[in-house]
Amino acid sequence: MANPLSSLHLHRRSLLRCAGVTLAASAHQILQGRPVVAAPEVAPSATADQVVFLWLPGGVTHHESFDPKPEAPEEIRGPIRPIETNVPGIQFAETLPHLAHHADKLAVVRSFAAGTNDHFDGQAYALSGRNILPNGILSEPNFGSFIHHQRGATGGLPGYIAVPGSTRPGPPNTDMFVPAWLGQRYAPFCTMGEPRDADFQVRDLGLVEGVSTDRFERRQSLRSAVESRLQEVERGGHWEGMQQLYGRALDLMTSPKVREAFDLSLEPDTARDKYGRTKVGQRCLLVRRLIDAGARFVMMDYGYDWGDYNNLWDNHCAPGQNQPHMWKMCKVPYHLPAVDQAFAALLDDLALSGRLERTLVVYLTEFGRTPQINSNGGRDHWGYSGSIFYAGGGVQGGQAIGVTDSIGGYCRTRTYSPADAVATIYKAVGVDPHTMLPDRQNRPVAIQPTGEPIPVF
């Protein structure tokens, strides 16, 4: 005999799809039998209230960005010159002139290492702070989901927003932006789409074509009537959480303030030009709008490029990638120069608005790249050294933490892992990594079982 509750779930989902509530329709997955846990309203130890996560998956070169090696042999350093920053004694590569003027805001960590050369493992480790075995890539929540769970959502916006949240490494192509055992309530809200496109619209913030506002409201009334009859059947732990998720979904769709926060068309041409009319530039501009609107946690997901250059940061220069030599590739206008312009514009705007003081900005990639140039003119995966940075949110800028050897191959000082990188973020936002939460089997699990904060504060 069919399970009547399963049937009711299906009927509800069909009803909502007909009503055009595409975001709310996924709410049936919420918590999967887990209790609703209220998030703390305040975190007295926090130095940051909001987080900007700049995620560049693919393995960004550290030699041609934050850790140039001017004294290395020519076959290692190549023609890319170091330049002075606005902090005496700290040099960046010439590909980052704008960020060089913001070095006083940055704590650059040059001894970051994931310890793996595998994209899947490295990205899962960076996104979760947990060194996950290959067969457990999707088993642990993103740290953004934990921050949403512990600190709650703000500004009437989702607690974890991904712009656009479309990266799917592979093969097979895999969505690594997961709440895992925390439940779908803490999954990222992914805008999808491409912010730099003239017709960009955020997925799930509008009505389905052909559904008028009046029709939408009538169907919402019908849904409410049906749901009220279902309460007696589904009374229990699921109900409150499900209703909360439906309510938030409707708020997203109907709130002018929320819709305005996601509306990049409201930005003037001067702002678009400041960030750059590039993929990373317009994504960072949307991130700034969301932070200005009060969003708790916003990830700028650079994503993969399946066009001319495949994954923009995975610079093997293999024949199938159609990439020029490494030292030409990193000067392609939408490679490091675009990141430099966009990140610097974001830091500048946050500083000018006064938000940088309480907004943690963190840049992560899964690993660096080999000191040696390969036979194709590229650099391969290198999990033994790399560079990341932090800014704002209590971070002491003007630092270069950690030292690599003369060719940028291995860390000479303490090595900081992705677990340490994530522990640093938790410290800034006031999340206690030792907090125990029940996993799918109701076993107590610490939010962050390993890792110590990097001394960036």
Protein backbone atom coordinates (compact mmCIF):
# COMPACT_ATOMS: atom_id res chain seq x y z
CA MET A 1 0.00 0.00 0.00
CA ALA A 2 1.31 3.47 -0.90
CA ASN A 3 2.45 5.71 1.91
CA PRO A 4 -0.28 8.41 2.29
CA LEU A 5 2.23 10.95 3.57
CA SER A 6 4.38 10.50 0.47
CA SER A 7 1.30 11.03 -1.67
CA LEU A 8 0.46 14.21 0.21
CA HIS A 9 4.00 15.51 -0.31
CA LEU A 10 3.70 14.90 -4.04
CA HIS A 11 0.34 16.61 -4.26
CA ARG A 12 1.67 19.61 -2.38
CA ARG A 13 4.69 19.90 -4.64
CA SER A 14 2.51 19.71 -7.73
CA LEU A 15 0.22 22.38 -6.34
CA LEU A 16 3.08 24.72 -5.63
CA ARG A 17 4.61 24.21 -9.05
CA CYS A 18 1.26 25.15 -10.59
CA ALA A 19 1.20 28.25 -8.40
CA GLY A 20 4.57 29.32 -9.69
CA VAL A 21 6.29 29.01 -6.33
CA THR A 22 9.36 27.33 -7.77
CA LEU A 23 11.61 28.09 -4.84
CA ALA A 24 9.13 26.98 -2.22
CA ALA A 25 8.48 23.77 -4.07
CA SER A 26 11.77 22.34 -2.87
CA ALA A 27 10.77 22.84 0.75
CA HIS A 28 9.52 19.26 1.14
CA GLN A 29 13.16 18.22 1.53
CA ILE A 30 13.68 20.31 4.64
CA LEU A 31 15.63 18.76 7.44
CA GLN A 32 14.75 15.21 6.42
CA GLY A 33 13.38 14.37 9.85
CA ARG A 34 15.85 16.52 11.77
CA PRO A 35 14.71 18.94 14.48
CA VAL A 36 14.65 22.66 13.79
CA VAL A 37 17.47 24.33 15.72
CA ALA A 38 17.21 28.05 16.42
CA ALA A 39 20.33 30.05 15.58
CA PRO A 40 21.82 32.43 18.18
CA GLU A 41 20.82 36.03 17.65
CA VAL A 42 24.19 37.44 18.69
CA ALA A 43 27.80 36.31 18.85
CA PRO A 44 29.59 38.54 21.36
CA SER A 45 33.06 37.37 20.28
CA ALA A 46 32.49 38.09 16.59
CA THR A 47 34.57 40.70 14.79
CA ALA A 48 32.44 40.32 11.64
CA ASP A 49 28.69 40.26 11.06
CA GLN A 50 28.84 39.47 7.34
CA VAL A 51 31.07 37.37 5.11
CA VAL A 52 32.15 37.74 1.49
CA PHE A 53 33.65 34.51 0.18
CA LEU A 54 35.62 34.92 -3.05
CA TRP A 55 35.84 31.39 -4.45
CA LEU A 56 38.10 30.72 -7.42
CA PRO A 57 38.07 26.95 -7.96
CA GLY A 58 40.62 25.44 -10.29
CA GLY A 59 43.88 26.22 -8.53
CA VAL A 60 45.02 29.83 -9.05
CA THR A 61 48.74 30.35 -9.62
CA HIS A 62 50.48 31.90 -6.63
CA HIS A 63 53.73 32.61 -8.50
CA GLU A 64 52.06 35.10 -10.83
CA SER A 65 49.87 36.69 -8.13
CA PHE A 66 50.59 36.98 -4.40
CA ASP A 67 53.93 35.19 -4.06
CA PRO A 68 56.31 36.24 -6.84
CA LYS A 69 59.85 34.85 -6.75
CA PRO A 70 62.10 37.45 -8.42
CA GLU A 71 65.28 35.66 -7.31
CA ALA A 72 64.23 32.29 -8.73
CA PRO A 73 65.76 30.97 -11.95
CA GLU A 74 64.19 32.39 -15.10
CA GLU A 75 62.53 29.08 -15.97
CA ILE A 76 60.61 29.39 -12.66
CA ARG A 77 59.83 33.11 -12.44
CA GLY A 78 59.54 33.90 -16.13
CA PRO A 79 59.04 37.49 -17.37
CA ILE A 80 56.37 38.46 -14.81
CA ARG A 81 57.85 41.20 -12.66
CA PRO A 82 57.18 41.87 -8.96
CA ILE A 83 55.78 45.26 -8.00
CA GLU A 84 55.77 47.15 -4.72
CA THR A 85 52.52 47.37 -2.77
CA ASN A 86 51.48 50.18 -0.45
CA VAL A 87 52.99 48.17 2.41
CA PRO A 88 56.80 48.37 2.56
CA GLY A 89 58.44 44.98 2.14
CA ILE A 90 55.46 43.26 0.53
CA GLN A 91 55.49 42.65 -3.21
CA PHE A 92 52.81 41.25 -5.51
CA ALA A 93 53.15 40.22 -9.13
CA GLU A 94 52.62 42.92 -11.75
CA THR A 95 49.30 41.29 -12.65
CA LEU A 96 47.78 42.76 -9.44
CA PRO A 97 48.41 46.54 -9.55
CA HIS A 98 45.01 47.47 -8.08
CA LEU A 99 45.26 45.04 -5.17
CA ALA A 100 48.81 46.27 -4.57
CA HIS A 101 47.22 49.61 -3.61
CA HIS A 102 44.98 47.78 -1.12
CA ALA A 103 47.67 45.61 0.48
CA ASP A 104 47.27 47.56 3.71
CA LYS A 105 43.80 45.99 3.98
CA LEU A 106 44.98 42.42 3.26
CA ALA A 107 46.41 39.62 5.34
CA VAL A 108 47.94 37.45 2.63
CA VAL A 109 48.65 33.87 3.67
CA ARG A 110 51.49 32.51 1.51
CA SER A 111 51.91 29.18 3.30
CA PHE A 112 48.50 27.75 2.48
CA ALA A 113 48.48 24.10 1.38
CA ALA A 114 45.70 21.58 0.95
CA GLY A 115 48.05 18.60 0.72
CA THR A 116 46.25 17.22 -2.33
CA ASN A 117 46.62 17.70 -6.07
CA ASP A 118 43.06 16.56 -6.77
CA HIS A 119 40.42 19.16 -7.69
CA PHE A 120 37.54 17.25 -6.09
CA ASP A 121 39.35 16.61 -2.82
CA GLY A 122 40.84 20.09 -2.62
CA GLN A 123 37.57 21.87 -3.33
CA ALA A 124 35.60 19.72 -0.90
CA TYR A 125 38.25 20.38 1.76
CA ALA A 126 38.19 24.14 1.17
CA LEU A 127 34.39 24.40 1.08
CA SER A 128 33.86 22.38 4.25
CA GLY A 129 37.07 22.72 6.25
CA ARG A 130 37.06 18.94 6.56
CA ASN A 131 39.61 16.67 4.92
CA ILE A 132 37.05 14.45 3.24
CA LEU A 133 37.85 11.08 1.75
CA PRO A 134 37.16 10.74 -2.01
CA ASN A 135 34.03 8.68 -1.34
CA GLY A 136 32.68 11.39 0.96
CA ILE A 137 32.94 14.45 -1.27
CA LEU A 138 29.33 15.51 -0.62
CA SER A 139 29.06 14.21 2.95
CA GLU A 140 29.94 17.40 4.85
CA PRO A 141 28.21 20.81 4.89
CA ASN A 142 29.80 23.88 3.34
CA PHE A 143 31.08 26.30 5.96
CA GLY A 144 28.55 28.81 4.60
CA SER A 145 25.77 26.44 5.67
CA PHE A 146 27.20 26.23 9.17
CA ILE A 147 27.40 30.02 9.40
CA HIS A 148 23.78 30.26 8.28
CA HIS A 149 22.81 27.64 10.87
CA GLN A 150 24.69 29.28 13.73
CA ARG A 151 24.30 32.99 12.97
CA GLY A 152 21.00 33.03 11.11
CA ALA A 153 19.88 34.96 8.05
CA THR A 154 19.78 38.76 7.98
CA GLY A 155 18.35 41.55 5.86
CA GLY A 156 15.37 39.45 4.83
CA LEU A 157 17.74 37.58 2.52
CA PRO A 158 18.79 33.92 2.42
CA GLY A 159 21.44 33.07 4.98
CA TYR A 160 23.86 31.64 2.38
CA ILE A 161 23.82 33.15 -1.11
CA ALA A 162 25.94 31.92 -4.02
CA VAL A 163 26.57 34.17 -7.01
CA PRO A 164 25.86 32.30 -9.20
CA GLY A 165 26.59 28.92 -7.56
CA SER A 166 26.87 27.14 -10.89
CA THR A 167 30.34 25.56 -10.66
CA ARG A 168 30.17 21.85 -11.38
CA PRO A 169 33.63 20.26 -11.36
CA GLY A 170 33.99 16.90 -13.00
CA PRO A 171 33.72 14.52 -14.63
CA PRO A 172 31.13 13.72 -13.57
CA ASN A 173 29.88 17.27 -13.13
CA THR A 174 29.12 17.60 -9.43
CA ASP A 175 27.33 20.21 -7.34
CA MET A 176 29.61 20.73 -4.34
CA PHE A 177 27.57 23.53 -2.76
CA VAL A 178 25.79 21.35 -0.24
CA PRO A 179 24.32 21.58 3.27
CA ALA A 180 24.72 17.78 3.59
CA TRP A 181 23.43 16.54 6.94
CA LEU A 182 22.39 20.02 8.11
CA GLY A 183 19.40 19.71 5.77
CA GLN A 184 18.10 21.64 2.78
CA ARG A 185 17.03 24.56 4.93
CA TYR A 186 20.73 25.54 4.99
CA ALA A 187 21.47 24.97 1.32
CA PRO A 188 22.80 27.98 -0.57
CA PHE A 189 20.42 30.15 -2.54
CA CYS A 190 22.09 30.05 -5.96
CA THR A 191 21.27 32.94 -8.28
CA MET A 192 22.44 30.98 -11.35
CA GLY A 193 22.60 32.91 -14.61
CA GLU A 194 25.33 35.36 -15.60
CA PRO A 195 25.28 38.81 -13.93
CA ARG A 196 27.21 40.47 -16.75
CA ASP A 197 24.46 39.60 -19.27
CA ALA A 198 22.07 42.43 -20.10
CA ASP A 199 19.03 40.20 -19.47
CA PHE A 200 20.31 38.70 -16.19
CA GLN A 201 17.58 37.74 -13.73
CA VAL A 202 17.90 35.77 -10.54
CA ARG A 203 16.29 32.37 -10.71
CA ASP A 204 13.23 31.83 -8.50
CA LEU A 205 12.61 35.50 -7.70
CA GLY A 206 9.76 35.94 -10.13
CA LEU A 207 6.47 34.37 -11.08
CA VAL A 208 6.27 31.73 -13.74
CA GLU A 209 5.36 33.18 -17.13
CA GLY A 210 1.60 33.45 -17.50
CA VAL A 211 0.91 33.62 -13.75
CA SER A 212 -0.38 37.09 -12.79
CA THR A 213 -0.08 38.56 -9.31
CA ASP A 214 -3.80 38.06 -8.68
CA ARG A 215 -3.65 34.47 -9.83
CA PHE A 216 -0.59 33.89 -7.68
CA GLU A 217 -2.39 35.27 -4.60
CA ARG A 218 -5.46 33.12 -5.26
CA ARG A 219 -3.33 30.03 -5.50
CA GLN A 220 -1.52 30.98 -2.32
CA SER A 221 -4.88 31.14 -0.56
CA LEU A 222 -5.74 27.71 -1.93
CA ARG A 223 -2.41 26.34 -0.78
CA SER A 224 -2.96 27.75 2.71
CA ALA A 225 -6.36 26.05 2.90
CA VAL A 226 -4.92 22.72 1.79
CA GLU A 227 -1.98 23.01 4.18
CA SER A 228 -4.26 23.71 7.12
CA ARG A 229 -6.02 20.38 6.46
CA LEU A 230 -2.67 18.61 6.28
CA GLN A 231 -1.48 19.82 9.66
CA GLU A 232 -3.38 17.11 11.48
CA VAL A 233 -1.72 14.47 9.30
CA GLU A 234 1.80 15.90 9.47
CA ARG A 235 1.81 17.34 12.96
CA GLY A 236 5.31 17.02 14.37
CA GLY A 237 8.90 18.14 13.94
CA HIS A 238 8.75 18.76 10.18
CA TRP A 239 5.87 21.18 10.21
CA GLU A 240 7.35 24.29 11.78
CA GLY A 241 10.52 24.14 9.73
CA MET A 242 8.59 23.52 6.53
CA GLN A 243 6.29 26.45 7.13
CA GLN A 244 9.29 28.69 7.85
CA LEU A 245 10.91 27.71 4.57
CA TYR A 246 7.69 28.30 2.61
CA GLY A 247 7.37 31.69 4.28
CA ARG A 248 10.92 32.72 3.42
CA ALA A 249 10.46 31.59 -0.16
CA LEU A 250 7.35 33.75 -0.51
CA ASP A 251 9.10 36.69 1.12
CA LEU A 252 11.88 36.43 -1.46
CA MET A 253 9.39 36.46 -4.29
CA THR A 254 7.23 39.30 -3.02
CA SER A 255 9.58 41.64 -1.11
CA PRO A 256 10.54 44.74 -3.14
CA LYS A 257 13.61 45.22 -0.95
CA VAL A 258 14.87 41.71 -1.68
CA ARG A 259 14.20 41.97 -5.40
CA GLU A 260 16.01 45.31 -5.48
CA ALA A 261 19.07 43.83 -3.74
CA PHE A 262 19.42 41.28 -6.53
CA ASP A 263 18.72 43.79 -9.32
CA LEU A 264 22.08 44.59 -10.86
CA SER A 265 20.45 46.80 -13.50
CA LEU A 266 20.09 49.50 -10.82
CA GLU A 267 23.86 49.99 -10.76
CA PRO A 268 25.15 52.98 -12.75
CA ASP A 269 27.62 52.54 -15.60
CA THR A 270 30.36 54.05 -13.44
CA ALA A 271 30.02 51.19 -10.95
CA ARG A 272 29.95 48.56 -13.69
CA ASP A 273 33.10 50.06 -15.20
CA LYS A 274 34.82 50.26 -11.83
CA TYR A 275 34.40 46.52 -11.26
CA GLY A 276 35.05 45.66 -14.90
CA ARG A 277 32.60 44.37 -17.49
CA THR A 278 33.91 40.87 -16.93
CA LYS A 279 32.46 37.73 -15.46
CA VAL A 280 34.22 38.21 -12.12
CA GLY A 281 33.66 41.96 -12.14
CA GLN A 282 29.89 41.89 -12.41
CA ARG A 283 29.60 38.99 -9.98
CA CYS A 284 31.57 40.97 -7.39
CA LEU A 285 29.34 43.99 -8.00
CA LEU A 286 26.26 41.91 -7.24
CA VAL A 287 27.98 40.60 -4.10
CA ARG A 288 28.52 44.19 -2.95
CA ARG A 289 24.83 44.98 -3.49
CA LEU A 290 23.82 41.99 -1.39
CA ILE A 291 26.21 42.92 1.41
CA ASP A 292 24.88 46.48 1.33
CA ALA A 293 21.37 45.00 1.70
CA GLY A 294 22.48 43.17 4.85
CA ALA A 295 23.08 39.61 3.63
CA ARG A 296 24.87 37.40 6.14
CA PHE A 297 27.03 35.27 3.82
CA VAL A 298 27.62 35.78 0.10
CA MET A 299 29.87 33.64 -2.04
CA MET A 300 31.26 34.89 -5.35
CA ASP A 301 31.62 31.62 -7.22
CA TYR A 302 33.89 32.23 -10.21
CA GLY A 303 32.91 28.93 -11.74
CA TYR A 304 34.42 27.08 -14.64
CA ASP A 305 34.69 28.31 -18.21
CA TRP A 306 33.71 25.74 -20.80
CA GLY A 307 34.46 28.07 -23.71
CA ASP A 308 37.80 29.03 -25.20
CA TYR A 309 39.88 28.45 -22.08
CA ASN A 310 37.95 25.70 -20.26
CA ASN A 311 38.65 26.17 -16.51
CA LEU A 312 40.33 29.58 -16.47
CA TRP A 313 42.56 28.79 -13.49
CA ASP A 314 43.56 25.22 -14.33
CA ASN A 315 46.48 26.37 -16.42
CA HIS A 316 48.12 23.17 -17.62
CA CYS A 317 48.08 24.64 -21.13
CA ALA A 318 47.24 21.18 -22.37
CA PRO A 319 46.28 20.92 -26.06
CA GLY A 320 42.59 20.46 -25.32
CA GLN A 321 42.49 23.59 -23.18
CA ASN A 322 43.47 25.95 -25.99
CA GLN A 323 45.47 28.15 -23.61
CA PRO A 324 48.51 30.28 -24.41
CA HIS A 325 51.74 29.96 -22.41
CA MET A 326 51.32 30.49 -18.66
CA TRP A 327 53.05 33.84 -18.69
CA LYS A 328 50.75 35.09 -21.44
CA MET A 329 47.67 33.44 -19.98
CA CYS A 330 47.94 35.28 -16.67
CA LYS A 331 47.88 38.59 -18.56
CA VAL A 332 44.73 37.78 -20.54
CA PRO A 333 42.37 40.66 -19.58
CA TYR A 334 39.77 38.41 -17.95
CA HIS A 335 42.36 36.27 -16.11
CA LEU A 336 44.27 37.80 -13.15
CA PRO A 337 43.79 41.40 -14.37
CA ALA A 338 40.00 41.00 -14.10
CA VAL A 339 40.26 39.50 -10.61
CA ASP A 340 42.60 42.31 -9.58
CA GLN A 341 40.18 45.01 -10.74
CA ALA A 342 37.07 43.37 -9.29
CA PHE A 343 38.50 42.45 -5.89
CA ALA A 344 40.08 45.89 -5.47
CA ALA A 345 36.79 47.62 -6.39
CA LEU A 346 34.92 45.48 -3.86
CA LEU A 347 37.40 46.28 -1.08
CA ASP A 348 37.31 49.95 -1.99
CA ASP A 349 33.51 50.16 -1.92
CA LEU A 350 33.21 48.26 1.35
CA ALA A 351 35.82 50.53 2.92
CA LEU A 352 34.16 53.72 1.62
CA SER A 353 30.75 52.63 2.95
CA GLY A 354 32.19 51.68 6.34
CA ARG A 355 31.05 48.08 5.93
CA LEU A 356 34.53 46.57 5.65
CA GLU A 357 35.08 46.96 9.38
CA ARG A 358 32.38 44.36 10.12
CA THR A 359 32.52 42.36 6.88
CA LEU A 360 35.06 39.57 6.54
CA VAL A 361 36.36 39.14 3.00
CA VAL A 362 38.14 35.87 2.27
CA TYR A 363 39.68 34.64 -0.97
CA LEU A 364 40.20 30.89 -1.39
CA THR A 365 41.29 28.52 -4.12
CA GLU A 366 41.95 24.82 -3.59
CA PHE A 367 45.70 24.77 -4.27
CA GLY A 368 48.57 26.55 -6.02
CA ARG A 369 50.48 25.54 -9.11
CA THR A 370 53.83 23.88 -9.76
CA PRO A 371 57.04 25.90 -9.65
CA GLN A 372 58.17 24.24 -12.88
CA ILE A 373 56.59 25.12 -16.18
CA ASN A 374 55.53 21.93 -17.95
CA SER A 375 56.36 21.00 -21.54
CA ASN A 376 53.17 22.65 -22.80
CA GLY A 377 53.98 25.96 -21.14
CA GLY A 378 51.65 25.63 -18.17
CA ARG A 379 51.78 24.95 -14.45
CA ASP A 380 50.19 21.81 -13.02
CA HIS A 381 48.32 21.12 -9.75
CA TRP A 382 50.36 21.79 -6.61
CA GLY A 383 48.90 21.02 -3.19
CA TYR A 384 52.05 21.90 -1.23
CA SER A 385 51.89 25.70 -1.38
CA GLY A 386 49.56 28.46 -2.47
CA SER A 387 48.22 31.87 -1.48
CA ILE A 388 44.92 33.09 -0.02
CA PHE A 389 43.93 36.32 1.73
CA TYR A 390 41.62 37.84 4.34
CA ALA A 391 40.46 41.43 4.76
CA GLY A 392 38.03 43.40 6.92
CA GLY A 393 36.05 41.96 9.82
CA GLY A 394 38.76 42.50 12.43
CA VAL A 395 41.63 41.39 10.18
CA GLN A 396 44.90 43.26 10.62
CA GLY A 397 45.84 44.34 7.11
CA GLY A 398 49.31 44.86 5.72
CA GLN A 399 50.50 41.34 6.56
CA ALA A 400 52.16 38.60 4.58
CA ILE A 401 51.86 35.46 6.70
CA GLY A 402 54.07 32.47 5.95
CA VAL A 403 57.01 31.99 3.62
CA THR A 404 57.61 29.56 0.78
CA ASP A 405 61.01 28.44 -0.46
CA SER A 406 62.99 30.24 -3.15
CA ILE A 407 60.92 28.74 -5.98
CA GLY A 408 57.51 28.81 -4.29
CA GLY A 409 57.39 25.04 -4.01
CA TYR A 410 57.16 24.23 -0.30
CA CYS A 411 56.29 26.14 2.86
CA ARG A 412 59.28 27.08 5.00
CA THR A 413 57.14 28.30 7.86
CA ARG A 414 54.02 26.82 9.42
CA THR A 415 51.69 25.40 6.78
CA TYR A 416 48.03 26.42 7.02
CA SER A 417 45.44 23.95 5.77
CA PRO A 418 41.88 24.50 4.53
CA ALA A 419 40.78 23.44 8.03
CA ASP A 420 42.79 26.35 9.44
CA ALA A 421 41.39 28.68 6.78
CA VAL A 422 37.81 27.81 7.71
CA ALA A 423 38.53 27.94 11.46
CA THR A 424 39.71 31.51 10.87
CA ILE A 425 36.36 32.39 9.29
CA TYR A 426 34.45 30.83 12.19
CA LYS A 427 36.50 32.85 14.66
CA ALA A 428 35.68 36.09 12.86
CA VAL A 429 31.91 35.47 12.85
CA GLY A 430 31.79 34.11 16.39
CA VAL A 431 30.96 30.49 15.60
CA ASP A 432 32.28 28.07 18.21
CA PRO A 433 33.89 25.24 16.18
CA HIS A 434 33.43 22.86 19.12
CA THR A 435 29.64 23.17 19.01
CA MET A 436 28.15 19.69 18.67
CA LEU A 437 25.30 19.07 16.25
CA PRO A 438 23.44 15.85 15.41
CA ASP A 439 24.30 14.30 12.04
CA ARG A 440 21.97 12.10 9.96
CA GLN A 441 22.35 9.25 12.44
CA ASN A 442 21.82 11.67 15.35
CA ARG A 443 25.44 11.27 16.37
CA PRO A 444 27.01 14.38 17.93
CA VAL A 445 29.47 15.97 15.48
CA ALA A 446 31.61 19.07 16.03
CA ILE A 447 31.17 21.90 13.55
CA GLN A 448 34.93 21.98 13.01
CA PRO A 449 36.78 18.99 14.49
CA THR A 450 40.24 20.11 13.31
CA GLY A 451 42.03 23.32 12.43
CA GLU A 452 43.26 26.40 14.29
CA PRO A 453 42.65 30.03 13.29
CA ILE A 454 45.39 31.65 11.23
CA PRO A 455 46.84 34.70 13.07
CA VAL A 456 45.34 37.32 10.78
CA PHE A 457 43.58 39.30 13.55
